C-alpha atoms as a PDB file:
ATOM      1  CA  UNK A   1      -6.855  11.830   1.919  1.00  0.00           C
ATOM      2  CA  UNK A   2      -5.837   8.261   2.767  1.00  0.00           C
ATOM      3  CA  UNK A   3      -3.839   7.374   6.051  1.00  0.00           C
ATOM      4  CA  UNK A   4      -2.724   3.876   5.743  1.00  0.00           C
ATOM      5  CA  UNK A   5      -1.024   2.055   8.701  1.00  0.00           C
ATOM      6  CA  UNK A   6       2.270   0.629   8.670  1.00  0.00           C
ATOM      7  CA  UNK A   7       1.274  -2.698   7.663  1.00  0.00           C
ATOM      8  CA  UNK A   8      -2.181  -2.162   5.611  1.00  0.00           C
ATOM      9  CA  UNK A   9      -1.596   0.266   2.682  1.00  0.00           C
ATOM     10  CA  UNK A  10      -2.487   0.451  -1.141  1.00  0.00           C
ATOM     11  CA  UNK A  11       0.364  -1.832  -1.748  1.00  0.00           C
ATOM     12  CA  UNK A  12      -0.749  -4.828  -0.598  1.00  0.00           C
ATOM     13  CA  UNK A  13      -4.670  -4.168  -0.685  1.00  0.00           C
ATOM     14  CA  UNK A  14      -5.842  -3.982  -4.194  1.00  0.00           C
ATOM     15  CA  UNK A  15      -9.233  -2.364  -2.910  1.00  0.00           C
ATOM     16  CA  UNK A  16      -7.303   0.764  -2.218  1.00  0.00           C
ATOM     17  CA  UNK A  17      -5.653   0.876  -5.345  1.00  0.00           C
ATOM     18  CA  UNK A  18      -9.028   0.713  -7.293  1.00  0.00           C
ATOM     19  CA  UNK A  19     -10.400   3.845  -5.050  1.00  0.00           C
ATOM     20  CA  UNK A  20      -7.175   5.368  -5.658  1.00  0.00           C
ATOM     21  CA  UNK A  21      -7.937   5.225  -9.486  1.00  0.00           C
ATOM     22  CA  UNK A  22     -11.751   6.682  -8.977  1.00  0.00           C
ATOM     23  CA  UNK A  23     -10.495   9.758  -6.882  1.00  0.00           C
ATOM     24  CA  UNK A  24     -10.677  13.163  -8.511  1.00  0.00           C
ATOM     25  CA  UNK A  25      -9.138  16.150  -7.785  1.00  0.00           C
ATOM     26  CA  UNK A  26      -6.452  16.744  -4.938  1.00  0.00           C
ATOM     27  CA  UNK A  27      -5.329  13.528  -3.264  1.00  0.00           C
ATOM     28  CA  UNK A  28      -2.780  12.394  -0.890  1.00  0.00           C
ATOM     29  CA  UNK A  29      -1.417   9.116   0.332  1.00  0.00           C
ATOM     30  CA  UNK A  30      -0.081   9.168   3.862  1.00  0.00           C
ATOM     31  CA  UNK A  31       1.546   5.745   5.969  1.00  0.00           C
ATOM     32  CA  UNK A  32       1.922   6.033   9.571  1.00  0.00           C
ATOM     33  CA  UNK A  33       4.703   4.140  10.142  1.00  0.00           C
ATOM     34  CA  UNK A  34       4.433   2.214  13.845  1.00  0.00           C
ATOM     35  CA  UNK A  35       0.531   2.205  13.499  1.00  0.00           C
ATOM     36  CA  UNK A  36      -1.836  -0.577  12.881  1.00  0.00           C
ATOM     37  CA  UNK A  37      -5.300  -0.421  11.704  1.00  0.00           C
ATOM     38  CA  UNK A  38      -6.811   0.081  14.886  1.00  0.00           C
ATOM     39  CA  UNK A  39      -4.459   3.148  15.369  1.00  0.00           C
ATOM     40  CA  UNK A  40      -6.669   5.323  13.785  1.00  0.00           C
ATOM     41  CA  UNK A  41      -9.772   5.161  16.382  1.00  0.00           C
ATOM     42  CA  UNK A  42     -11.051   7.210  18.924  1.00  0.00           C
ATOM     43  CA  UNK A  43     -10.214   5.311  22.168  1.00  0.00           C
ATOM     44  CA  UNK A  44      -6.756   4.638  20.709  1.00  0.00           C
ATOM     45  CA  UNK A  45      -5.144   6.841  23.435  1.00  0.00           C
ATOM     46  CA  UNK A  46      -6.973   5.243  25.943  1.00  0.00           C
ATOM     47  CA  UNK A  47      -6.071   1.562  25.254  1.00  0.00           C
ATOM     48  CA  UNK A  48      -2.842   1.174  26.680  1.00  0.00           C
ATOM     49  CA  UNK A  49      -4.978   2.318  30.168  1.00  0.00           C
ATOM     50  CA  UNK A  50      -7.576  -0.388  29.473  1.00  0.00           C
ATOM     51  CA  UNK A  51      -5.668  -3.295  28.463  1.00  0.00           C
ATOM     52  CA  UNK A  52      -5.653  -4.756  31.334  1.00  0.00           C
ATOM     53  CA  UNK A  53      -9.214  -4.611  32.051  1.00  0.00           C
ATOM     54  CA  UNK A  54      -9.907  -5.775  28.747  1.00  0.00           C
ATOM     55  CA  UNK A  55      -7.924  -8.995  29.132  1.00  0.00           C
ATOM     56  CA  UNK A  56      -5.062  -7.660  26.093  1.00  0.00           C
ATOM     57  CA  UNK A  57      -1.754  -8.702  26.741  1.00  0.00           C
ATOM     58  CA  UNK A  58       1.205  -6.134  26.122  1.00  0.00           C
ATOM     59  CA  UNK A  59       1.913  -8.161  22.609  1.00  0.00           C
ATOM     60  CA  UNK A  60      -2.134  -7.736  21.610  1.00  0.00           C
ATOM     61  CA  UNK A  61      -2.297  -4.563  22.391  1.00  0.00           C
ATOM     62  CA  UNK A  62       0.820  -3.719  20.009  1.00  0.00           C
ATOM     63  CA  UNK A  63      -0.738  -6.158  17.688  1.00  0.00           C
ATOM     64  CA  UNK A  64      -4.034  -4.060  17.644  1.00  0.00           C
ATOM     65  CA  UNK A  65      -2.897  -0.555  17.982  1.00  0.00           C
ATOM     66  CA  UNK A  66       0.972  -0.871  16.730  1.00  0.00           C
ATOM     67  CA  UNK A  67       4.310   0.367  18.365  1.00  0.00           C
ATOM     68  CA  UNK A  68       3.580   4.175  17.713  1.00  0.00           C
ATOM     69  CA  UNK A  69       2.803   5.865  21.018  1.00  0.00           C
ATOM     70  CA  UNK A  70      -0.816   6.894  20.551  1.00  0.00           C
ATOM     71  CA  UNK A  71      -0.021  10.678  21.918  1.00  0.00           C
ATOM     72  CA  UNK A  72       2.466  11.209  19.257  1.00  0.00           C
ATOM     73  CA  UNK A  73      -0.079   9.060  16.566  1.00  0.00           C
ATOM     74  CA  UNK A  74      -2.696  11.342  17.434  1.00  0.00           C
ATOM     75  CA  UNK A  75      -0.888  13.997  17.018  1.00  0.00           C
ATOM     76  CA  UNK A  76       0.333  13.402  13.637  1.00  0.00           C
ATOM     77  CA  UNK A  77      -2.785  12.359  12.609  1.00  0.00           C
ATOM     78  CA  UNK A  78      -4.756  15.670  13.969  1.00  0.00           C
ATOM     79  CA  UNK A  79      -1.835  18.291  12.121  1.00  0.00           C
ATOM     80  CA  UNK A  80      -1.710  16.232   8.844  1.00  0.00           C
ATOM     81  CA  UNK A  81      -6.250  16.224   8.907  1.00  0.00           C
ATOM     82  CA  UNK A  82      -5.275  20.044   9.500  1.00  0.00           C
ATOM     83  CA  UNK A  83      -3.350  20.706   6.610  1.00  0.00           C
ATOM     84  CA  UNK A  84      -5.510  18.867   4.330  1.00  0.00           C
ATOM     85  CA  UNK A  85      -8.789  20.912   5.548  1.00  0.00           C
ATOM     86  CA  UNK A  86      -6.499  24.326   5.522  1.00  0.00           C
ATOM     87  CA  UNK A  87      -5.758  23.748   2.003  1.00  0.00           C
ATOM     88  CA  UNK A  88      -8.326  22.263   0.093  1.00  0.00           C
ATOM     89  CA  UNK A  89     -11.482  24.449   2.484  1.00  0.00           C
ATOM     90  CA  UNK A  90      -9.312  27.705   3.232  1.00  0.00           C
ATOM     91  CA  UNK A  91      -7.351  27.653   0.136  1.00  0.00           C
ATOM     92  CA  UNK A  92      -4.131  28.109   2.684  1.00  0.00           C
ATOM     93  CA  UNK A  93      -1.176  26.093   1.186  1.00  0.00           C
ATOM     94  CA  UNK A  94       1.532  24.648   3.665  1.00  0.00           C
ATOM     95  CA  UNK A  95       4.441  22.268   2.802  1.00  0.00           C
ATOM     96  CA  UNK A  96       3.590  19.827   5.008  1.00  0.00           C
ATOM     97  CA  UNK A  97       2.197  17.448   2.160  1.00  0.00           C
ATOM     98  CA  UNK A  98       4.788  18.018  -0.746  1.00  0.00           C
ATOM     99  CA  UNK A  99       6.618  15.417   1.248  1.00  0.00           C
ATOM    100  CA  UNK A 100       8.424  14.356   4.153  1.00  0.00           C
ATOM    101  CA  UNK A 101       9.207  16.436   6.952  1.00  0.00           C
ATOM    102  CA  UNK A 102      11.623  16.202   9.607  1.00  0.00           C
ATOM    103  CA  UNK A 103       9.659  16.836  12.399  1.00  0.00           C
ATOM    104  CA  UNK A 104       7.097  13.977  11.272  1.00  0.00           C
ATOM    105  CA  UNK A 105       9.398  11.010  10.456  1.00  0.00           C
ATOM    106  CA  UNK A 106       6.884   8.038  11.008  1.00  0.00           C
ATOM    107  CA  UNK A 107       5.157   9.525   8.110  1.00  0.00           C
ATOM    108  CA  UNK A 108       5.877   8.172   4.213  1.00  0.00           C
ATOM    109  CA  UNK A 109       4.210   9.710   0.953  1.00  0.00           C
ATOM    110  CA  UNK A 110       2.704   6.775  -0.857  1.00  0.00           C
ATOM    111  CA  UNK A 111       2.421   7.788  -4.050  1.00  0.00           C
END
């Protein structure tokens, strides 16, 4: 599973396209709109609280972490990752990975 931000994805990074062509078996490529590269790190939910301590302006915080609410981003990441693991490790097929879902409009399928 590839999970890209709204601004960095296989469409603008040749290394992702190369990686994709070498993957075998089931694969999915999701894009989380409103996310930035650092939206996928452990401290994402704490960043807004730490911003002033770190000297990050609201504009810089948005540039680094994106515009999506951190709690929403974490929720979406957990749901999609759990669904991939359920499908691939537990052989429990769900419909979430088949295409867009009204509960998660922030997700688009790149391929």
